[in-house]
Amino acid sequence: PVDEKGRLIAEPHAQAIADAVKGKPARIVSADTKQKEQHPPLPYNLLKLQTDASRKFGFKPDQTKDITQSLREKHKLITYNRSDCEYLSDEQHGDAPGVLAA
């Protein structure tokens, strides 16, 4: 059983196929590749960073804010941590190589 795109939709069927071919040699018969261009993601703003830190590491929002504050004030490794702006200023673009090399 497959969907309109030819993908398996029944897990028991997929598992039976996986069990049948496990440990056996395979050969790629054909492959389609496409050249794609993807823009890099925008830098984090504090809210997105807090959300990801909570989801991935269980950090509370205040913990994330305190860590970013320390990175900014003590270590000078990040820009203003409470900004909602996701774009770097022209001045920050010029500073980027030094920050990345630190």
PDB file of N, CA and C in Angstrom:
ATOM      1  N   PRO A   1       0.828  -1.202   0.000  1.00  0.00           N
ATOM      2  CA  PRO A   1       0.000   0.000   0.000  1.00  0.00           C
ATOM      3  C   PRO A   1       0.870   1.263   0.000  1.00  0.00           C
ATOM      4  N   VAL A   2       0.629   2.112  -0.978  1.00  0.00           N
ATOM      5  CA  VAL A   2       1.400   3.345  -1.115  1.00  0.00           C
ATOM      6  C   VAL A   2       0.452   4.526  -1.294  1.00  0.00           C
ATOM      7  N   ASP A   3       0.979   5.737  -1.025  1.00  0.00           N
ATOM      8  CA  ASP A   3       0.178   6.946  -1.242  1.00  0.00           C
ATOM      9  C   ASP A   3       0.365   7.432  -2.671  1.00  0.00           C
ATOM     10  N   GLU A   4      -0.203   8.612  -2.976  1.00  0.00           N
ATOM     11  CA  GLU A   4      -0.164   9.135  -4.336  1.00  0.00           C
ATOM     12  C   GLU A   4       1.251   9.461  -4.817  1.00  0.00           C
ATOM     13  N   LYS A   5       2.210   9.575  -3.882  1.00  0.00           N
ATOM     14  CA  LYS A   5       3.598   9.861  -4.266  1.00  0.00           C
ATOM     15  C   LYS A   5       4.461   8.595  -4.303  1.00  0.00           C
ATOM     16  N   GLY A   6       3.837   7.447  -4.110  1.00  0.00           N
ATOM     17  CA  GLY A   6       4.569   6.195  -4.170  1.00  0.00           C
ATOM     18  C   GLY A   6       5.266   5.820  -2.876  1.00  0.00           C
ATOM     19  N   ARG A   7       4.904   6.466  -1.765  1.00  0.00           N
ATOM     20  CA  ARG A   7       5.532   6.178  -0.465  1.00  0.00           C
ATOM     21  C   ARG A   7       4.719   5.128   0.290  1.00  0.00           C
ATOM     22  N   LEU A   8       5.424   4.253   0.997  1.00  0.00           N
ATOM     23  CA  LEU A   8       4.734   3.256   1.815  1.00  0.00           C
ATOM     24  C   LEU A   8       3.941   3.956   2.905  1.00  0.00           C
ATOM     25  N   ILE A   9       2.715   3.464   3.142  1.00  0.00           N
ATOM     26  CA  ILE A   9       1.886   4.098   4.166  1.00  0.00           C
ATOM     27  C   ILE A   9       1.526   3.143   5.309  1.00  0.00           C
ATOM     28  N   ALA A  10       1.829   1.872   5.173  1.00  0.00           N
ATOM     29  CA  ALA A  10       1.513   0.903   6.223  1.00  0.00           C
ATOM     30  C   ALA A  10       2.811   0.471   6.911  1.00  0.00           C
ATOM     31  N   GLU A  11       2.938   0.828   8.184  1.00  0.00           N
ATOM     32  CA  GLU A  11       4.171   0.502   8.908  1.00  0.00           C
ATOM     33  C   GLU A  11       4.464  -0.998   8.956  1.00  0.00           C
ATOM     34  N   PRO A  12       3.477  -1.869   9.177  1.00  0.00           N
ATOM     35  CA  PRO A  12       3.790  -3.315   9.193  1.00  0.00           C
ATOM     36  C   PRO A  12       4.374  -3.796   7.858  1.00  0.00           C
ATOM     37  N   HIS A  13       3.859  -3.280   6.763  1.00  0.00           N
ATOM     38  CA  HIS A  13       4.379  -3.640   5.439  1.00  0.00           C
ATOM     39  C   HIS A  13       5.822  -3.151   5.280  1.00  0.00           C
ATOM     40  N   ALA A  14       6.067  -1.920   5.695  1.00  0.00           N
ATOM     41  CA  ALA A  14       7.422  -1.362   5.615  1.00  0.00           C
ATOM     42  C   ALA A  14       8.382  -2.165   6.491  1.00  0.00           C
ATOM     43  N   GLN A  15       7.931  -2.547   7.686  1.00  0.00           N
ATOM     44  CA  GLN A  15       8.785  -3.324   8.583  1.00  0.00           C
ATOM     45  C   GLN A  15       9.089  -4.705   7.993  1.00  0.00           C
ATOM     46  N   ALA A  16       8.105  -5.328   7.342  1.00  0.00           N
ATOM     47  CA  ALA A  16       8.320  -6.631   6.719  1.00  0.00           C
ATOM     48  C   ALA A  16       9.367  -6.544   5.618  1.00  0.00           C
ATOM     49  N   ILE A  17       9.305  -5.471   4.830  1.00  0.00           N
ATOM     50  CA  ILE A  17      10.315  -5.270   3.777  1.00  0.00           C
ATOM     51  C   ILE A  17      11.688  -5.064   4.405  1.00  0.00           C
ATOM     52  N   ALA A  18      11.765  -4.230   5.444  1.00  0.00           N
ATOM     53  CA  ALA A  18      13.045  -3.963   6.109  1.00  0.00           C
ATOM     54  C   ALA A  18      13.631  -5.251   6.679  1.00  0.00           C
ATOM     55  N   ASP A  19      12.793  -6.077   7.310  1.00  0.00           N
ATOM     56  CA  ASP A  19      13.269  -7.344   7.874  1.00  0.00           C
ATOM     57  C   ASP A  19      13.767  -8.289   6.782  1.00  0.00           C
ATOM     58  N   ALA A  20      13.087  -8.301   5.633  1.00  0.00           N
ATOM     59  CA  ALA A  20      13.453  -9.206   4.544  1.00  0.00           C
ATOM     60  C   ALA A  20      14.786  -8.843   3.904  1.00  0.00           C
ATOM     61  N   VAL A  21      15.139  -7.559   3.897  1.00  0.00           N
ATOM     62  CA  VAL A  21      16.367  -7.146   3.216  1.00  0.00           C
ATOM     63  C   VAL A  21      17.517  -6.840   4.171  1.00  0.00           C
ATOM     64  N   LYS A  22      17.270  -6.906   5.465  1.00  0.00           N
ATOM     65  CA  LYS A  22      18.309  -6.573   6.444  1.00  0.00           C
ATOM     66  C   LYS A  22      19.541  -7.462   6.270  1.00  0.00           C
ATOM     67  N   GLY A  23      20.702  -6.805   6.180  1.00  0.00           N
ATOM     68  CA  GLY A  23      21.965  -7.523   6.059  1.00  0.00           C
ATOM     69  C   GLY A  23      22.293  -7.994   4.649  1.00  0.00           C
ATOM     70  N   LYS A  24      21.441  -7.715   3.694  1.00  0.00           N
ATOM     71  CA  LYS A  24      21.680  -8.151   2.321  1.00  0.00           C
ATOM     72  C   LYS A  24      22.254  -6.994   1.510  1.00  0.00           C
ATOM     73  N   PRO A  25      23.054  -7.302   0.487  1.00  0.00           N
ATOM     74  CA  PRO A  25      23.627  -6.229  -0.333  1.00  0.00           C
ATOM     75  C   PRO A  25      22.537  -5.500  -1.125  1.00  0.00           C
ATOM     76  N   ALA A  26      22.787  -4.241  -1.374  1.00  0.00           N
ATOM     77  CA  ALA A  26      21.829  -3.423  -2.130  1.00  0.00           C
ATOM     78  C   ALA A  26      22.557  -2.720  -3.265  1.00  0.00           C
ATOM     79  N   ARG A  27      21.796  -2.340  -4.281  1.00  0.00           N
ATOM     80  CA  ARG A  27      22.362  -1.642  -5.425  1.00  0.00           C
ATOM     81  C   ARG A  27      21.415  -0.494  -5.773  1.00  0.00           C
ATOM     82  N   ILE A  28      21.963   0.686  -5.960  1.00  0.00           N
ATOM     83  CA  ILE A  28      21.164   1.831  -6.384  1.00  0.00           C
ATOM     84  C   ILE A  28      20.978   1.733  -7.887  1.00  0.00           C
ATOM     85  N   VAL A  29      19.735   1.687  -8.314  1.00  0.00           N
ATOM     86  CA  VAL A  29      19.427   1.530  -9.725  1.00  0.00           C
ATOM     87  C   VAL A  29      19.384   2.883 -10.424  1.00  0.00           C
ATOM     88  N   SER A  30      18.797   3.874  -9.779  1.00  0.00           N
ATOM     89  CA  SER A  30      18.772   5.213 -10.356  1.00  0.00           C
ATOM     90  C   SER A  30      18.607   6.232  -9.239  1.00  0.00           C
ATOM     91  N   ALA A  31      19.000   7.447  -9.546  1.00  0.00           N
ATOM     92  CA  ALA A  31      18.870   8.544  -8.592  1.00  0.00           C
ATOM     93  C   ALA A  31      18.681   9.836  -9.362  1.00  0.00           C
ATOM     94  N   ASP A  32      17.771  10.658  -8.877  1.00  0.00           N
ATOM     95  CA  ASP A  32      17.560  11.977  -9.461  1.00  0.00           C
ATOM     96  C   ASP A  32      18.126  13.014  -8.503  1.00  0.00           C
ATOM     97  N   THR A  33      18.934  13.914  -9.028  1.00  0.00           N
ATOM     98  CA  THR A  33      19.475  14.993  -8.198  1.00  0.00           C
ATOM     99  C   THR A  33      19.104  16.322  -8.812  1.00  0.00           C
ATOM    100  N   LYS A  34      18.949  17.307  -7.958  1.00  0.00           N
ATOM    101  CA  LYS A  34      18.620  18.657  -8.410  1.00  0.00           C
ATOM    102  C   LYS A  34      19.516  19.646  -7.689  1.00  0.00           C
ATOM    103  N   GLN A  35      19.985  20.627  -8.441  1.00  0.00           N
ATOM    104  CA  GLN A  35      20.776  21.700  -7.847  1.00  0.00           C
ATOM    105  C   GLN A  35      19.804  22.663  -7.168  1.00  0.00           C
ATOM    106  N   LYS A  36      19.989  22.903  -5.879  1.00  0.00           N
ATOM    107  CA  LYS A  36      19.113  23.811  -5.151  1.00  0.00           C
ATOM    108  C   LYS A  36      19.944  24.849  -4.423  1.00  0.00           C
ATOM    109  N   GLU A  37      19.386  26.000  -4.304  1.00  0.00           N
ATOM    110  CA  GLU A  37      20.028  27.054  -3.527  1.00  0.00           C
ATOM    111  C   GLU A  37      19.121  27.369  -2.345  1.00  0.00           C
ATOM    112  N   GLN A  38      19.704  27.351  -1.162  1.00  0.00           N
ATOM    113  CA  GLN A  38      18.922  27.615   0.037  1.00  0.00           C
ATOM    114  C   GLN A  38      19.624  28.688   0.858  1.00  0.00           C
ATOM    115  N   HIS A  39      18.893  29.697   1.221  1.00  0.00           N
ATOM    116  CA  HIS A  39      19.469  30.761   2.022  1.00  0.00           C
ATOM    117  C   HIS A  39      19.682  30.282   3.451  1.00  0.00           C
ATOM    118  N   PRO A  40      20.732  30.754   4.109  1.00  0.00           N
ATOM    119  CA  PRO A  40      20.952  30.352   5.493  1.00  0.00           C
ATOM    120  C   PRO A  40      19.856  30.927   6.387  1.00  0.00           C
ATOM    121  N   PRO A  41      19.618  30.293   7.525  1.00  0.00           N
ATOM    122  CA  PRO A  41      18.587  30.809   8.422  1.00  0.00           C
ATOM    123  C   PRO A  41      19.010  32.150   9.017  1.00  0.00           C
ATOM    124  N   LEU A  42      18.021  32.929   9.417  1.00  0.00           N
ATOM    125  CA  LEU A  42      18.310  34.204  10.074  1.00  0.00           C
ATOM    126  C   LEU A  42      18.882  33.936  11.463  1.00  0.00           C
ATOM    127  N   PRO A  43      19.653  34.876  12.009  1.00  0.00           N
ATOM    128  CA  PRO A  43      20.156  34.702  13.382  1.00  0.00           C
ATOM    129  C   PRO A  43      18.991  34.601  14.366  1.00  0.00           C
ATOM    130  N   TYR A  44      19.251  34.009  15.495  1.00  0.00           N
ATOM    131  CA  TYR A  44      18.241  33.895  16.546  1.00  0.00           C
ATOM    132  C   TYR A  44      17.854  35.255  17.105  1.00  0.00           C
ATOM    133  N   ASN A  45      16.590  35.388  17.454  1.00  0.00           N
ATOM    134  CA  ASN A  45      16.214  36.455  18.368  1.00  0.00           C
ATOM    135  C   ASN A  45      16.011  35.759  19.713  1.00  0.00           C
ATOM    136  N   LEU A  46      15.862  36.515  20.777  1.00  0.00           N
ATOM    137  CA  LEU A  46      15.829  35.914  22.110  1.00  0.00           C
ATOM    138  C   LEU A  46      14.669  34.936  22.263  1.00  0.00           C
ATOM    139  N   LEU A  47      13.509  35.269  21.764  1.00  0.00           N
ATOM    140  CA  LEU A  47      12.350  34.389  21.921  1.00  0.00           C
ATOM    141  C   LEU A  47      12.563  33.045  21.238  1.00  0.00           C
ATOM    142  N   LYS A  48      13.084  33.055  20.017  1.00  0.00           N
ATOM    143  CA  LYS A  48      13.337  31.790  19.312  1.00  0.00           C
ATOM    144  C   LYS A  48      14.426  30.982  20.013  1.00  0.00           C
ATOM    145  N   LEU A  49      15.451  31.674  20.505  1.00  0.00           N
ATOM    146  CA  LEU A  49      16.523  30.991  21.226  1.00  0.00           C
ATOM    147  C   LEU A  49      15.989  30.347  22.497  1.00  0.00           C
ATOM    148  N   GLN A  50      15.153  31.076  23.238  1.00  0.00           N
ATOM    149  CA  GLN A  50      14.574  30.519  24.461  1.00  0.00           C
ATOM    150  C   GLN A  50      13.702  29.303  24.148  1.00  0.00           C
ATOM    151  N   THR A  51      12.946  29.375  23.078  1.00  0.00           N
ATOM    152  CA  THR A  51      12.088  28.260  22.692  1.00  0.00           C
ATOM    153  C   THR A  51      12.925  27.027  22.358  1.00  0.00           C
ATOM    154  N   ASP A  52      13.956  27.191  21.542  1.00  0.00           N
ATOM    155  CA  ASP A  52      14.801  26.053  21.176  1.00  0.00           C
ATOM    156  C   ASP A  52      15.584  25.510  22.372  1.00  0.00           C
ATOM    157  N   ALA A  53      16.102  26.397  23.212  1.00  0.00           N
ATOM    158  CA  ALA A  53      16.868  25.945  24.387  1.00  0.00           C
ATOM    159  C   ALA A  53      15.975  25.171  25.348  1.00  0.00           C
ATOM    160  N   SER A  54      14.733  25.580  25.455  1.00  0.00           N
ATOM    161  CA  SER A  54      13.788  24.864  26.308  1.00  0.00           C
ATOM    162  C   SER A  54      13.475  23.490  25.732  1.00  0.00           C
ATOM    163  N   ARG A  55      13.206  23.452  24.442  1.00  0.00           N
ATOM    164  CA  ARG A  55      12.837  22.198  23.783  1.00  0.00           C
ATOM    165  C   ARG A  55      14.006  21.206  23.760  1.00  0.00           C
ATOM    166  N   LYS A  56      15.193  21.700  23.433  1.00  0.00           N
ATOM    167  CA  LYS A  56      16.334  20.796  23.258  1.00  0.00           C
ATOM    168  C   LYS A  56      17.055  20.454  24.561  1.00  0.00           C
ATOM    169  N   PHE A  57      17.132  21.427  25.485  1.00  0.00           N
ATOM    170  CA  PHE A  57      17.949  21.229  26.680  1.00  0.00           C
ATOM    171  C   PHE A  57      17.183  21.372  27.987  1.00  0.00           C
ATOM    172  N   GLY A  58      15.884  21.715  27.917  1.00  0.00           N
ATOM    173  CA  GLY A  58      15.087  21.861  29.128  1.00  0.00           C
ATOM    174  C   GLY A  58      15.367  23.139  29.901  1.00  0.00           C
ATOM    175  N   PHE A  59      16.012  24.129  29.259  1.00  0.00           N
ATOM    176  CA  PHE A  59      16.317  25.391  29.934  1.00  0.00           C
ATOM    177  C   PHE A  59      15.045  26.203  30.123  1.00  0.00           C
ATOM    178  N   LYS A  60      14.965  26.887  31.246  1.00  0.00           N
ATOM    179  CA  LYS A  60      13.889  27.839  31.471  1.00  0.00           C
ATOM    180  C   LYS A  60      14.259  29.141  30.747  1.00  0.00           C
ATOM    181  N   PRO A  61      13.263  29.943  30.351  1.00  0.00           N
ATOM    182  CA  PRO A  61      13.574  31.176  29.617  1.00  0.00           C
ATOM    183  C   PRO A  61      14.571  32.083  30.333  1.00  0.00           C
ATOM    184  N   ASP A  62      14.455  32.199  31.663  1.00  0.00           N
ATOM    185  CA  ASP A  62      15.399  33.050  32.393  1.00  0.00           C
ATOM    186  C   ASP A  62      16.823  32.505  32.344  1.00  0.00           C
ATOM    187  N   GLN A  63      16.971  31.177  32.323  1.00  0.00           N
ATOM    188  CA  GLN A  63      18.313  30.594  32.212  1.00  0.00           C
ATOM    189  C   GLN A  63      18.953  31.005  30.887  1.00  0.00           C
ATOM    190  N   THR A  64      18.196  30.887  29.825  1.00  0.00           N
ATOM    191  CA  THR A  64      18.709  31.252  28.507  1.00  0.00           C
ATOM    192  C   THR A  64      19.070  32.728  28.466  1.00  0.00           C
ATOM    193  N   LYS A  65      18.203  33.567  29.024  1.00  0.00           N
ATOM    194  CA  LYS A  65      18.477  35.009  29.047  1.00  0.00           C
ATOM    195  C   LYS A  65      19.751  35.293  29.835  1.00  0.00           C
ATOM    196  N   ASP A  66      19.934  34.627  30.984  1.00  0.00           N
ATOM    197  CA  ASP A  66      21.135  34.838  31.797  1.00  0.00           C
ATOM    198  C   ASP A  66      22.400  34.384  31.061  1.00  0.00           C
ATOM    199  N   ILE A  67      22.301  33.285  30.358  1.00  0.00           N
ATOM    200  CA  ILE A  67      23.461  32.796  29.598  1.00  0.00           C
ATOM    201  C   ILE A  67      23.816  33.783  28.497  1.00  0.00           C
ATOM    202  N   THR A  68      22.804  34.254  27.770  1.00  0.00           N
ATOM    203  CA  THR A  68      23.095  35.210  26.696  1.00  0.00           C
ATOM    204  C   THR A  68      23.633  36.518  27.254  1.00  0.00           C
ATOM    205  N   GLN A  69      23.140  36.919  28.414  1.00  0.00           N
ATOM    206  CA  GLN A  69      23.637  38.150  29.043  1.00  0.00           C
ATOM    207  C   GLN A  69      25.124  38.002  29.383  1.00  0.00           C
ATOM    208  N   SER A  70      25.493  36.841  29.904  1.00  0.00           N
ATOM    209  CA  SER A  70      26.900  36.583  30.232  1.00  0.00           C
ATOM    210  C   SER A  70      27.766  36.550  28.970  1.00  0.00           C
ATOM    211  N   LEU A  71      27.263  35.900  27.925  1.00  0.00           N
ATOM    212  CA  LEU A  71      28.016  35.849  26.672  1.00  0.00           C
ATOM    213  C   LEU A  71      28.231  37.248  26.109  1.00  0.00           C
ATOM    214  N   ARG A  72      27.266  38.110  26.325  1.00  0.00           N
ATOM    215  CA  ARG A  72      27.363  39.473  25.800  1.00  0.00           C
ATOM    216  C   ARG A  72      28.272  40.344  26.662  1.00  0.00           C
ATOM    217  N   GLU A  73      28.048  40.359  27.976  1.00  0.00           N
ATOM    218  CA  GLU A  73      28.753  41.289  28.860  1.00  0.00           C
ATOM    219  C   GLU A  73      30.165  40.829  29.237  1.00  0.00           C
ATOM    220  N   LYS A  74      30.296  39.572  29.617  1.00  0.00           N
ATOM    221  CA  LYS A  74      31.592  39.087  30.098  1.00  0.00           C
ATOM    222  C   LYS A  74      32.529  38.680  28.971  1.00  0.00           C
ATOM    223  N   HIS A  75      31.982  38.039  27.963  1.00  0.00           N
ATOM    224  CA  HIS A  75      32.823  37.447  26.928  1.00  0.00           C
ATOM    225  C   HIS A  75      32.799  38.199  25.597  1.00  0.00           C
ATOM    226  N   LYS A  76      31.861  39.127  25.437  1.00  0.00           N
ATOM    227  CA  LYS A  76      31.734  39.925  24.208  1.00  0.00           C
ATOM    228  C   LYS A  76      31.591  39.035  22.965  1.00  0.00           C
ATOM    229  N   LEU A  77      30.835  37.937  23.115  1.00  0.00           N
ATOM    230  CA  LEU A  77      30.707  36.978  22.020  1.00  0.00           C
ATOM    231  C   LEU A  77      29.425  37.133  21.216  1.00  0.00           C
ATOM    232  N   ILE A  78      28.443  37.833  21.758  1.00  0.00           N
ATOM    233  CA  ILE A  78      27.210  38.042  21.008  1.00  0.00           C
ATOM    234  C   ILE A  78      26.812  39.503  21.094  1.00  0.00           C
ATOM    235  N   THR A  79      25.921  39.893  20.193  1.00  0.00           N
ATOM    236  CA  THR A  79      25.412  41.258  20.192  1.00  0.00           C
ATOM    237  C   THR A  79      24.282  41.358  21.200  1.00  0.00           C
ATOM    238  N   TYR A  80      23.607  42.449  21.187  1.00  0.00           N
ATOM    239  CA  TYR A  80      22.534  42.695  22.156  1.00  0.00           C
ATOM    240  C   TYR A  80      21.551  41.536  22.172  1.00  0.00           C
ATOM    241  N   ASN A  81      21.444  40.881  23.316  1.00  0.00           N
ATOM    242  CA  ASN A  81      20.704  39.632  23.397  1.00  0.00           C
ATOM    243  C   ASN A  81      19.195  39.792  23.529  1.00  0.00           C
ATOM    244  N   ARG A  82      18.700  40.989  23.756  1.00  0.00           N
ATOM    245  CA  ARG A  82      17.257  41.142  23.943  1.00  0.00           C
ATOM    246  C   ARG A  82      16.575  41.734  22.722  1.00  0.00           C
ATOM    247  N   SER A  83      17.284  41.812  21.646  1.00  0.00           N
ATOM    248  CA  SER A  83      16.733  42.391  20.422  1.00  0.00           C
ATOM    249  C   SER A  83      15.823  41.388  19.725  1.00  0.00           C
ATOM    250  N   ASP A  84      14.774  41.889  19.126  1.00  0.00           N
ATOM    251  CA  ASP A  84      13.922  41.044  18.296  1.00  0.00           C
ATOM    252  C   ASP A  84      14.333  41.102  16.834  1.00  0.00           C
ATOM    253  N   CYS A  85      15.363  41.890  16.544  1.00  0.00           N
ATOM    254  CA  CYS A  85      15.835  42.035  15.174  1.00  0.00           C
ATOM    255  C   CYS A  85      16.670  40.805  14.798  1.00  0.00           C
ATOM    256  N   GLU A  86      16.402  40.244  13.641  1.00  0.00           N
ATOM    257  CA  GLU A  86      17.134  39.059  13.201  1.00  0.00           C
ATOM    258  C   GLU A  86      18.190  39.385  12.145  1.00  0.00           C
ATOM    259  N   TYR A  87      18.386  40.660  11.882  1.00  0.00           N
ATOM    260  CA  TYR A  87      19.343  41.069  10.855  1.00  0.00           C
ATOM    261  C   TYR A  87      20.526  41.786  11.492  1.00  0.00           C
ATOM    262  N   LEU A  88      21.705  41.596  10.922  1.00  0.00           N
ATOM    263  CA  LEU A  88      22.900  42.265  11.410  1.00  0.00           C
ATOM    264  C   LEU A  88      23.016  43.652  10.777  1.00  0.00           C
ATOM    265  N   SER A  89      23.485  44.586  11.575  1.00  0.00           N
ATOM    266  CA  SER A  89      23.724  45.920  11.041  1.00  0.00           C
ATOM    267  C   SER A  89      24.989  45.890  10.182  1.00  0.00           C
ATOM    268  N   ASP A  90      25.210  46.951   9.425  1.00  0.00           N
ATOM    269  CA  ASP A  90      26.428  47.025   8.603  1.00  0.00           C
ATOM    270  C   ASP A  90      27.672  46.937   9.474  1.00  0.00           C
ATOM    271  N   GLU A  91      27.639  47.581  10.633  1.00  0.00           N
ATOM    272  CA  GLU A  91      28.787  47.535  11.557  1.00  0.00           C
ATOM    273  C   GLU A  91      29.038  46.111  12.030  1.00  0.00           C
ATOM    274  N   GLN A  92      27.976  45.382  12.343  1.00  0.00           N
ATOM    275  CA  GLN A  92      28.125  44.005  12.820  1.00  0.00           C
ATOM    276  C   GLN A  92      28.657  43.091  11.721  1.00  0.00           C
ATOM    277  N   HIS A  93      28.301  43.348  10.492  1.00  0.00           N
ATOM    278  CA  HIS A  93      28.836  42.566   9.381  1.00  0.00           C
ATOM    279  C   HIS A  93      30.359  42.686   9.343  1.00  0.00           C
ATOM    280  N   GLY A  94      30.860  43.897   9.576  1.00  0.00           N
ATOM    281  CA  GLY A  94      32.295  44.120   9.603  1.00  0.00           C
ATOM    282  C   GLY A  94      32.995  43.423  10.759  1.00  0.00           C
ATOM    283  N   ASP A  95      32.280  43.276  11.871  1.00  0.00           N
ATOM    284  CA  ASP A  95      32.847  42.622  13.068  1.00  0.00           C
ATOM    285  C   ASP A  95      32.798  41.095  12.978  1.00  0.00           C
ATOM    286  N   ALA A  96      31.988  40.559  12.074  1.00  0.00           N
ATOM    287  CA  ALA A  96      31.734  39.120  12.026  1.00  0.00           C
ATOM    288  C   ALA A  96      32.998  38.260  11.926  1.00  0.00           C
ATOM    289  N   PRO A  97      33.967  38.568  11.066  1.00  0.00           N
ATOM    290  CA  PRO A  97      35.147  37.700  11.000  1.00  0.00           C
ATOM    291  C   PRO A  97      35.888  37.575  12.339  1.00  0.00           C
ATOM    292  N   GLY A  98      36.002  38.687  13.065  1.00  0.00           N
ATOM    293  CA  GLY A  98      36.673  38.640  14.355  1.00  0.00           C
ATOM    294  C   GLY A  98      35.892  37.832  15.377  1.00  0.00           C
ATOM    295  N   VAL A  99      34.580  37.965  15.375  1.00  0.00           N
ATOM    296  CA  VAL A  99      33.741  37.217  16.314  1.00  0.00           C
ATOM    297  C   VAL A  99      33.829  35.729  16.014  1.00  0.00           C
ATOM    298  N   LEU A 100      33.779  35.374  14.740  1.00  0.00           N
ATOM    299  CA  LEU A 100      33.846  33.963  14.361  1.00  0.00           C
ATOM    300  C   LEU A 100      35.224  33.353  14.664  1.00  0.00           C
ATOM    301  N   ALA A 101      36.268  34.159  14.603  1.00  0.00           N
ATOM    302  CA  ALA A 101      37.623  33.659  14.869  1.00  0.00           C
ATOM    303  C   ALA A 101      37.908  33.525  16.363  1.00  0.00           C
ATOM    304  N   ALA A 102      37.104  34.153  17.215  1.00  0.00           N
ATOM    305  CA  ALA A 102      37.337  34.142  18.669  1.00  0.00           C
ATOM    306  C   ALA A 102      37.124  32.763  19.252  1.00  0.00           C
TER     307      ALA A 102
END
